[in-house]
Every structure is written in structure tokens, then in C-alpha cells.
């Protein structure tokens, strides 16, 4: 009988959590800052949906220069800070950050996989800023043109920041 009570109690707890999750409401997502960033990469996790195959986790991310024009060079890190606004404040929501690459897209030099875009799911708090950035780690990642970073929630695009990656070696 104890096991049944435990299962019923656990079921009630999970149902309660689902109800709270359903009550979350995101009114909008604001882009707070954008440009070139510095950060200390602390770890990474496999991410088959992104061109380089991994997602870097970082600390101490800070904006170095506010700009939407990005020099095409290895080691450069660019991105944006965004903040979902809604209810309840502090609740975690899952957003999808989409990066759309300029034509012809990226071709992974190690796997030959081609990417016109990539998407990564992130759990972020309502009412608190989150930093998302891209780092040019390999030559094949550097594609000149318009890069788009988008934040999606529940199938709707809530924010977008564009960057123009430029170089004297780019051809129109």
C-alpha cells in the first residue's frame, strides 16, 4: 500500500508541476546588448544540431564592443544578451536559439555536413538576461554576409539580431 500512496503522491506532484508550466506566459523578448563579447569557456556539451557539433558553456561573458558589423577572423566571439519578459518572473522556460547563416551556409570541414541554419534549445529564466554568442573556431565557419540570431518560444519568433560578417577577402 505504501508504494501506491507514493505513486499517487508523485503523480499529484508531477501534475502540479505541469500546471505551473502551462501558466507561464512570455509577453516579449528584448535584445539588451549585441556585438563582440569576451567570455571564459568552462565546458561544452555535444550538440549535433549545430555546425561545429558542440555547444560551449561560458562564464564571465561581457560585451567588449557594441556593433552589428563583425570582422571575419578566427577567435572572434559575437552575439547578444536577451531577456524574456512575462510571468511568473524567474520561471524557467525553454527557448530555441536559431542561427541562420548567409548563403552558401556552413560546411563542416571535419564531417562535410552542410548547415544553412542551426538551432539549440536553452532553458532560460523569465525576467533575467541570457547571453548567446558564436565563436569563429574553424576557418570553415567564417562566411561573410548577414547572420541572423533568433529567439523562438512555443513556435513563435520573439527576437532577432542581425550581424554583418565582413572581410576584405569577401566577394560580393
Protein backbone atom coordinates (compact mmCIF):
# COMPACT_ATOMS: atom_id res chain seq x y z
CA UNK A 1 0.00 0.00 0.00
CA UNK A 2 2.89 2.37 0.75
CA UNK A 3 4.05 2.12 -2.86
CA UNK A 4 0.61 3.08 -4.17
CA UNK A 5 0.48 6.15 -1.89
CA UNK A 6 3.97 7.13 -3.07
CA UNK A 7 2.94 6.74 -6.72
CA UNK A 8 -0.24 8.78 -6.15
CA UNK A 9 1.71 11.49 -4.31
CA UNK A 10 4.36 11.57 -7.05
CA UNK A 11 1.63 11.75 -9.71
CA UNK A 12 -0.01 14.68 -7.91
CA UNK A 13 3.35 16.45 -7.64
CA UNK A 14 4.10 15.98 -11.35
CA UNK A 15 0.60 17.12 -12.28
CA UNK A 16 1.10 20.23 -10.16
CA UNK A 17 4.41 20.95 -11.89
CA UNK A 18 2.79 20.58 -15.30
CA UNK A 19 0.06 23.03 -14.28
CA UNK A 20 2.63 25.63 -13.25
CA UNK A 21 4.50 25.10 -16.53
CA UNK A 22 1.30 25.70 -18.53
CA UNK A 23 0.69 29.03 -16.76
CA UNK A 24 3.95 30.57 -17.94
CA UNK A 25 3.42 33.48 -20.26
CA UNK A 26 6.06 35.26 -22.31
CA UNK A 27 4.95 38.71 -23.44
CA UNK A 28 8.12 39.60 -25.35
CA UNK A 29 11.87 39.05 -25.55
CA UNK A 30 14.13 42.11 -25.56
CA UNK A 31 17.60 42.32 -27.08
CA UNK A 32 19.59 44.16 -24.39
CA UNK A 33 23.10 44.25 -25.93
CA UNK A 34 24.77 42.95 -29.06
CA UNK A 35 28.23 42.92 -30.52
CA UNK A 36 31.64 41.44 -29.74
CA UNK A 37 31.99 39.52 -26.46
CA UNK A 38 34.66 38.10 -24.25
CA UNK A 39 33.98 35.05 -22.09
CA UNK A 40 35.69 32.13 -20.42
CA UNK A 41 34.50 28.80 -21.84
CA UNK A 42 34.06 26.48 -18.86
CA UNK A 43 32.71 23.36 -20.57
CA UNK A 44 30.91 22.13 -23.65
CA UNK A 45 28.30 19.56 -24.50
CA UNK A 46 27.67 17.58 -27.69
CA UNK A 47 25.21 19.30 -29.99
CA UNK A 48 24.55 17.50 -33.28
CA UNK A 49 22.14 20.27 -34.39
CA UNK A 50 24.93 22.87 -34.57
CA UNK A 51 27.59 23.10 -37.28
CA UNK A 52 30.63 22.65 -35.04
CA UNK A 53 28.97 19.74 -33.20
CA UNK A 54 29.19 21.17 -29.68
CA UNK A 55 27.72 23.89 -27.52
CA UNK A 56 30.07 25.91 -25.30
CA UNK A 57 29.06 26.92 -21.78
CA UNK A 58 30.81 30.03 -20.53
CA UNK A 59 31.16 32.32 -17.56
CA UNK A 60 32.06 35.98 -17.22
CA UNK A 61 30.58 36.85 -20.62
CA UNK A 62 30.72 40.57 -21.22
CA UNK A 63 30.28 42.83 -24.18
CA UNK A 64 33.53 44.32 -25.45
CA UNK A 65 32.16 46.38 -28.34
CA UNK A 66 28.58 47.19 -29.32
CA UNK A 67 28.37 46.60 -33.06
CA UNK A 68 26.49 44.65 -35.69
CA UNK A 69 29.48 44.63 -38.08
CA UNK A 70 31.73 41.67 -37.34
CA UNK A 71 35.26 41.16 -38.68
CA UNK A 72 35.67 37.68 -40.19
CA UNK A 73 38.55 36.36 -38.10
CA UNK A 74 39.30 33.28 -36.06
CA UNK A 75 38.72 33.56 -32.33
CA UNK A 76 36.19 36.38 -32.63
CA UNK A 77 33.10 35.90 -30.44
CA UNK A 78 29.90 37.80 -31.26
CA UNK A 79 26.35 37.61 -30.05
CA UNK A 80 23.70 39.21 -27.91
CA UNK A 81 22.06 39.44 -24.50
CA UNK A 82 18.32 38.80 -24.48
CA UNK A 83 15.71 38.82 -21.76
CA UNK A 84 12.25 37.22 -21.81
CA UNK A 85 9.57 39.27 -20.09
CA UNK A 86 6.46 37.58 -18.75
CA UNK A 87 5.02 35.66 -15.83
CA UNK A 88 5.87 34.27 -13.42
CA UNK A 89 9.14 36.15 -13.04
CA UNK A 90 12.08 33.80 -12.51
CA UNK A 91 10.34 30.76 -14.04
CA UNK A 92 12.45 28.68 -16.40
CA UNK A 93 11.27 28.41 -20.00
CA UNK A 94 12.77 26.57 -22.94
CA UNK A 95 13.61 28.77 -25.91
CA UNK A 96 15.18 27.81 -29.20
CA UNK A 97 18.01 29.99 -30.43
CA UNK A 98 18.29 29.78 -34.21
CA UNK A 99 21.30 30.98 -36.19
CA UNK A 100 20.70 31.48 -39.92
CA UNK A 101 23.90 31.62 -41.94
CA UNK A 102 24.41 33.60 -45.14
CA UNK A 103 24.49 31.63 -48.39
CA UNK A 104 26.00 29.17 -49.09
CA UNK A 105 25.87 28.29 -45.37
CA UNK A 106 28.50 26.40 -43.41
CA UNK A 107 30.14 23.14 -44.42
CA UNK A 108 31.79 21.34 -41.52
CA UNK A 109 35.38 20.68 -42.56
CA UNK A 110 35.55 17.51 -40.46
CA UNK A 111 32.23 15.83 -41.35
CA UNK A 112 31.28 17.56 -44.65
CA UNK A 113 27.80 18.20 -43.17
CA UNK A 114 26.17 21.35 -44.58
CA UNK A 115 24.20 23.84 -42.49
CA UNK A 116 22.02 26.71 -43.72
CA UNK A 117 20.94 27.20 -40.11
CA UNK A 118 21.36 25.71 -36.69
CA UNK A 119 19.12 25.55 -33.65
CA UNK A 120 19.79 24.94 -29.99
CA UNK A 121 17.34 24.67 -27.07
CA UNK A 122 18.16 26.63 -23.93
CA UNK A 123 16.43 26.81 -20.56
CA UNK A 124 16.35 30.48 -19.55
CA UNK A 125 14.68 32.39 -16.72
CA UNK A 126 11.85 34.85 -17.34
CA UNK A 127 12.95 38.33 -16.30
CA UNK A 128 16.70 37.67 -16.36
CA UNK A 129 19.22 38.28 -19.15
CA UNK A 130 20.86 35.42 -21.06
CA UNK A 131 23.92 35.75 -23.29
CA UNK A 132 24.19 33.81 -26.54
CA UNK A 133 27.26 34.08 -28.77
CA UNK A 134 29.02 32.42 -31.67
CA UNK A 135 32.80 31.98 -31.82
CA UNK A 136 34.73 31.51 -35.05
CA UNK A 137 36.80 28.46 -34.11
CA UNK A 138 37.50 26.97 -37.55
CA UNK A 139 38.19 28.56 -40.95
CA UNK A 140 35.16 26.86 -42.49
CA UNK A 141 32.82 28.68 -40.04
CA UNK A 142 33.74 32.09 -41.39
CA UNK A 143 31.16 33.00 -44.01
CA UNK A 144 30.74 36.65 -44.93
CA UNK A 145 27.29 38.18 -45.16
CA UNK A 146 24.21 38.60 -42.97
CA UNK A 147 23.99 36.29 -39.93
CA UNK A 148 20.67 36.16 -38.08
CA UNK A 149 20.29 35.15 -34.43
CA UNK A 150 16.68 34.48 -33.44
CA UNK A 151 14.93 33.57 -30.19
CA UNK A 152 11.84 31.33 -30.53
CA UNK A 153 9.37 30.29 -27.85
CA UNK A 154 6.38 27.97 -28.36
CA UNK A 155 6.76 28.12 -32.13
CA UNK A 156 6.85 31.94 -32.32
CA UNK A 157 9.81 34.17 -33.09
CA UNK A 158 10.19 36.70 -30.27
CA UNK A 159 13.51 38.40 -31.08
CA UNK A 160 16.11 38.71 -33.81
CA UNK A 161 19.53 40.32 -34.02
CA UNK A 162 21.36 40.60 -37.34
CA UNK A 163 25.12 40.75 -37.81
CA UNK A 164 27.06 41.54 -40.98
CA UNK A 165 30.27 39.49 -41.13
CA UNK A 166 32.78 41.33 -43.31
CA UNK A 167 36.32 40.92 -44.61
CA UNK A 168 38.41 42.42 -47.38
CA UNK A 169 38.67 38.88 -48.79
CA UNK A 170 34.87 38.56 -49.16
CA UNK A 171 33.45 38.82 -52.64
CA UNK A 172 30.05 40.41 -53.31
